[in-house]
Amino acid sequence: MSHRILIVDDEPNIVISLEYLMKKEGFQVAVATDGEVALQLASTFLPDLILLDVMMPKKSGFEVCQALRANQALVGVKIIMLTAKGRESEVAKGLALGADVYITKPFSTKDLVLQIKSMLA
């Protein structure tokens, strides 16, 4: 069975490229463009891994990450924060709230795929 990945980002170009890349790698993909939809989809789609932007409408990636970690049904989900916010304090906050990895944009798609495959192995 292929792994499920939830892409959470409000930037259409990033969503399109990540969705294409993940499907090309054989993953099942769902997309959310705001934090509230992300939480709803996470509960129904039950992803193995979430690619999560920080700056989004309705709920920030930090709020989504915190809510995901508080949900017992989603406790094993891997979370990669993928964001332009790269200050040390933001990285520390993301990791403290439960992100497994914090990657700043722009990022290498090749490195991202390797990171995802390693986390899901």
C-alpha atoms as a PDB file:
ATOM      1  CA  MET A   1       0.000   0.000   0.000  1.00  0.00           C
ATOM      2  CA  SER A   2       1.331   3.416  -0.865  1.00  0.00           C
ATOM      3  CA  HIS A   3       1.849   5.987   1.845  1.00  0.00           C
ATOM      4  CA  ARG A   4      -0.560   8.904   2.209  1.00  0.00           C
ATOM      5  CA  ILE A   5       0.718  12.474   2.200  1.00  0.00           C
ATOM      6  CA  LEU A   6      -1.291  15.561   3.092  1.00  0.00           C
ATOM      7  CA  ILE A   7       0.031  18.783   1.552  1.00  0.00           C
ATOM      8  CA  VAL A   8      -0.993  21.886   3.492  1.00  0.00           C
ATOM      9  CA  ASP A   9      -0.058  25.156   1.772  1.00  0.00           C
ATOM     10  CA  ASP A  10      -1.975  28.185   0.511  1.00  0.00           C
ATOM     11  CA  GLU A  11       0.454  28.980  -2.317  1.00  0.00           C
ATOM     12  CA  PRO A  12      -0.987  27.415  -5.533  1.00  0.00           C
ATOM     13  CA  ASN A  13       2.382  27.033  -7.293  1.00  0.00           C
ATOM     14  CA  ILE A  14       3.873  25.164  -4.355  1.00  0.00           C
ATOM     15  CA  VAL A  15       0.800  22.938  -4.013  1.00  0.00           C
ATOM     16  CA  ILE A  16       0.867  22.063  -7.728  1.00  0.00           C
ATOM     17  CA  SER A  17       4.577  21.207  -7.739  1.00  0.00           C
ATOM     18  CA  LEU A  18       4.480  19.244  -4.463  1.00  0.00           C
ATOM     19  CA  GLU A  19       1.348  17.358  -5.510  1.00  0.00           C
ATOM     20  CA  TYR A  20       2.930  16.425  -8.852  1.00  0.00           C
ATOM     21  CA  LEU A  21       6.185  15.398  -7.180  1.00  0.00           C
ATOM     22  CA  MET A  22       4.512  13.248  -4.502  1.00  0.00           C
ATOM     23  CA  LYS A  23       2.194  11.500  -6.996  1.00  0.00           C
ATOM     24  CA  LYS A  24       5.176  10.858  -9.286  1.00  0.00           C
ATOM     25  CA  GLU A  25       6.885   9.137  -6.328  1.00  0.00           C
ATOM     26  CA  GLY A  26       3.832   6.899  -5.915  1.00  0.00           C
ATOM     27  CA  PHE A  27       2.234   8.487  -2.848  1.00  0.00           C
ATOM     28  CA  GLN A  28      -1.504   9.020  -2.343  1.00  0.00           C
ATOM     29  CA  VAL A  29      -2.002  12.771  -1.979  1.00  0.00           C
ATOM     30  CA  ALA A  30      -4.595  15.086  -0.453  1.00  0.00           C
ATOM     31  CA  VAL A  31      -4.362  18.887  -0.402  1.00  0.00           C
ATOM     32  CA  ALA A  32      -5.566  21.522   2.055  1.00  0.00           C
ATOM     33  CA  THR A  33      -5.148  25.259   1.465  1.00  0.00           C
ATOM     34  CA  ASP A  34      -5.933  26.466   4.991  1.00  0.00           C
ATOM     35  CA  GLY A  35      -5.411  25.228   8.537  1.00  0.00           C
ATOM     36  CA  GLU A  36      -9.023  24.332   9.293  1.00  0.00           C
ATOM     37  CA  VAL A  37      -9.389  22.159   6.182  1.00  0.00           C
ATOM     38  CA  ALA A  38      -6.032  20.574   7.025  1.00  0.00           C
ATOM     39  CA  LEU A  39      -7.315  19.387  10.405  1.00  0.00           C
ATOM     40  CA  GLN A  40     -10.559  18.052   8.890  1.00  0.00           C
ATOM     41  CA  LEU A  41      -8.694  16.221   6.116  1.00  0.00           C
ATOM     42  CA  ALA A  42      -6.121  14.800   8.523  1.00  0.00           C
ATOM     43  CA  SER A  43      -8.944  13.130  10.477  1.00  0.00           C
ATOM     44  CA  THR A  44     -10.549  11.564   7.392  1.00  0.00           C
ATOM     45  CA  PHE A  45      -7.615  10.968   5.011  1.00  0.00           C
ATOM     46  CA  LEU A  46      -5.369   9.695   7.861  1.00  0.00           C
ATOM     47  CA  PRO A  47      -2.039  10.629   6.264  1.00  0.00           C
ATOM     48  CA  ASP A  48       1.272   8.992   7.112  1.00  0.00           C
ATOM     49  CA  LEU A  49       3.040  12.322   6.644  1.00  0.00           C
ATOM     50  CA  ILE A  50       2.016  15.966   6.429  1.00  0.00           C
ATOM     51  CA  LEU A  51       3.879  18.716   4.565  1.00  0.00           C
ATOM     52  CA  LEU A  52       2.817  21.778   6.521  1.00  0.00           C
ATOM     53  CA  ASP A  53       3.303  25.468   5.715  1.00  0.00           C
ATOM     54  CA  VAL A  54       3.384  27.926   8.640  1.00  0.00           C
ATOM     55  CA  MET A  55       1.707  31.021   7.195  1.00  0.00           C
ATOM     56  CA  MET A  56      -1.834  30.068   6.191  1.00  0.00           C
ATOM     57  CA  PRO A  57      -5.382  31.384   6.453  1.00  0.00           C
ATOM     58  CA  LYS A  58      -7.715  30.438   9.343  1.00  0.00           C
ATOM     59  CA  LYS A  59      -5.133  28.491  11.387  1.00  0.00           C
ATOM     60  CA  SER A  60      -1.368  28.788  11.179  1.00  0.00           C
ATOM     61  CA  GLY A  61       0.859  25.779  10.641  1.00  0.00           C
ATOM     62  CA  PHE A  62       1.934  26.116  14.278  1.00  0.00           C
ATOM     63  CA  GLU A  63      -1.709  25.842  15.435  1.00  0.00           C
ATOM     64  CA  VAL A  64      -2.330  22.903  13.082  1.00  0.00           C
ATOM     65  CA  CYS A  65       0.796  21.113  14.297  1.00  0.00           C
ATOM     66  CA  GLN A  66      -0.221  21.569  17.927  1.00  0.00           C
ATOM     67  CA  ALA A  67      -3.778  20.306  17.247  1.00  0.00           C
ATOM     68  CA  LEU A  68      -2.466  17.278  15.325  1.00  0.00           C
ATOM     69  CA  ARG A  69      -0.168  16.321  18.187  1.00  0.00           C
ATOM     70  CA  ALA A  70      -3.081  16.589  20.645  1.00  0.00           C
ATOM     71  CA  ASN A  71      -5.206  14.186  18.529  1.00  0.00           C
ATOM     72  CA  GLN A  72      -4.620  10.594  19.698  1.00  0.00           C
ATOM     73  CA  ALA A  73      -5.817   9.172  16.353  1.00  0.00           C
ATOM     74  CA  LEU A  74      -3.023  11.053  14.552  1.00  0.00           C
ATOM     75  CA  VAL A  75      -0.231  10.587  17.076  1.00  0.00           C
ATOM     76  CA  GLY A  76       1.991   8.637  14.658  1.00  0.00           C
ATOM     77  CA  VAL A  77       1.746  11.084  11.758  1.00  0.00           C
ATOM     78  CA  LYS A  78       5.074  12.536  10.643  1.00  0.00           C
ATOM     79  CA  ILE A  79       5.073  16.313  10.199  1.00  0.00           C
ATOM     80  CA  ILE A  80       7.479  18.260   7.994  1.00  0.00           C
ATOM     81  CA  MET A  81       7.101  22.014   8.332  1.00  0.00           C
ATOM     82  CA  LEU A  82       7.909  23.570   4.976  1.00  0.00           C
ATOM     83  CA  THR A  83       8.058  27.327   5.292  1.00  0.00           C
ATOM     84  CA  ALA A  84       9.711  30.608   4.394  1.00  0.00           C
ATOM     85  CA  LYS A  85       9.870  31.434   8.123  1.00  0.00           C
ATOM     86  CA  GLY A  86      13.421  30.399   8.952  1.00  0.00           C
ATOM     87  CA  ARG A  87      14.394  32.386  12.033  1.00  0.00           C
ATOM     88  CA  GLU A  88      15.882  30.293  14.815  1.00  0.00           C
ATOM     89  CA  SER A  89      12.959  31.078  17.145  1.00  0.00           C
ATOM     90  CA  GLU A  90      10.431  29.891  14.526  1.00  0.00           C
ATOM     91  CA  VAL A  91      12.346  26.676  13.879  1.00  0.00           C
ATOM     92  CA  ALA A  92      12.514  26.035  17.639  1.00  0.00           C
ATOM     93  CA  LYS A  93       8.769  26.746  17.994  1.00  0.00           C
ATOM     94  CA  GLY A  94       7.858  24.362  15.155  1.00  0.00           C
ATOM     95  CA  LEU A  95       9.964  21.564  16.606  1.00  0.00           C
ATOM     96  CA  ALA A  96       8.694  22.236  20.143  1.00  0.00           C
ATOM     97  CA  LEU A  97       5.077  21.979  18.928  1.00  0.00           C
ATOM     98  CA  GLY A  98       5.789  18.558  17.481  1.00  0.00           C
ATOM     99  CA  ALA A  99       7.132  18.918  13.943  1.00  0.00           C
ATOM    100  CA  ASP A 100       9.546  16.107  13.107  1.00  0.00           C
ATOM    101  CA  VAL A 101      11.491  18.217  10.610  1.00  0.00           C
ATOM    102  CA  TYR A 102      11.580  21.945   9.791  1.00  0.00           C
ATOM    103  CA  ILE A 103      12.624  22.858   6.230  1.00  0.00           C
ATOM    104  CA  THR A 104      12.875  26.423   4.981  1.00  0.00           C
ATOM    105  CA  LYS A 105      11.863  27.563   1.490  1.00  0.00           C
ATOM    106  CA  PRO A 106      13.319  27.540  -1.068  1.00  0.00           C
ATOM    107  CA  PHE A 107      14.195  23.853  -0.720  1.00  0.00           C
ATOM    108  CA  SER A 108      15.584  21.103  -2.913  1.00  0.00           C
ATOM    109  CA  THR A 109      12.791  18.823  -4.136  1.00  0.00           C
ATOM    110  CA  LYS A 110      15.303  15.985  -4.412  1.00  0.00           C
ATOM    111  CA  ASP A 111      16.331  16.424  -0.759  1.00  0.00           C
ATOM    112  CA  LEU A 112      12.681  16.678   0.286  1.00  0.00           C
ATOM    113  CA  VAL A 113      11.805  13.387  -1.431  1.00  0.00           C
ATOM    114  CA  LEU A 114      14.797  11.681   0.210  1.00  0.00           C
ATOM    115  CA  GLN A 115      13.747  13.069   3.601  1.00  0.00           C
ATOM    116  CA  ILE A 116      10.155  11.842   3.143  1.00  0.00           C
ATOM    117  CA  LYS A 117      11.238   8.372   2.008  1.00  0.00           C
ATOM    118  CA  SER A 118      13.597   8.069   4.955  1.00  0.00           C
ATOM    119  CA  MET A 119      10.896   9.139   7.433  1.00  0.00           C
ATOM    120  CA  LEU A 120       8.362   6.664   6.012  1.00  0.00           C
ATOM    121  CA  ALA A 121      10.798   3.741   5.753  1.00  0.00           C
END
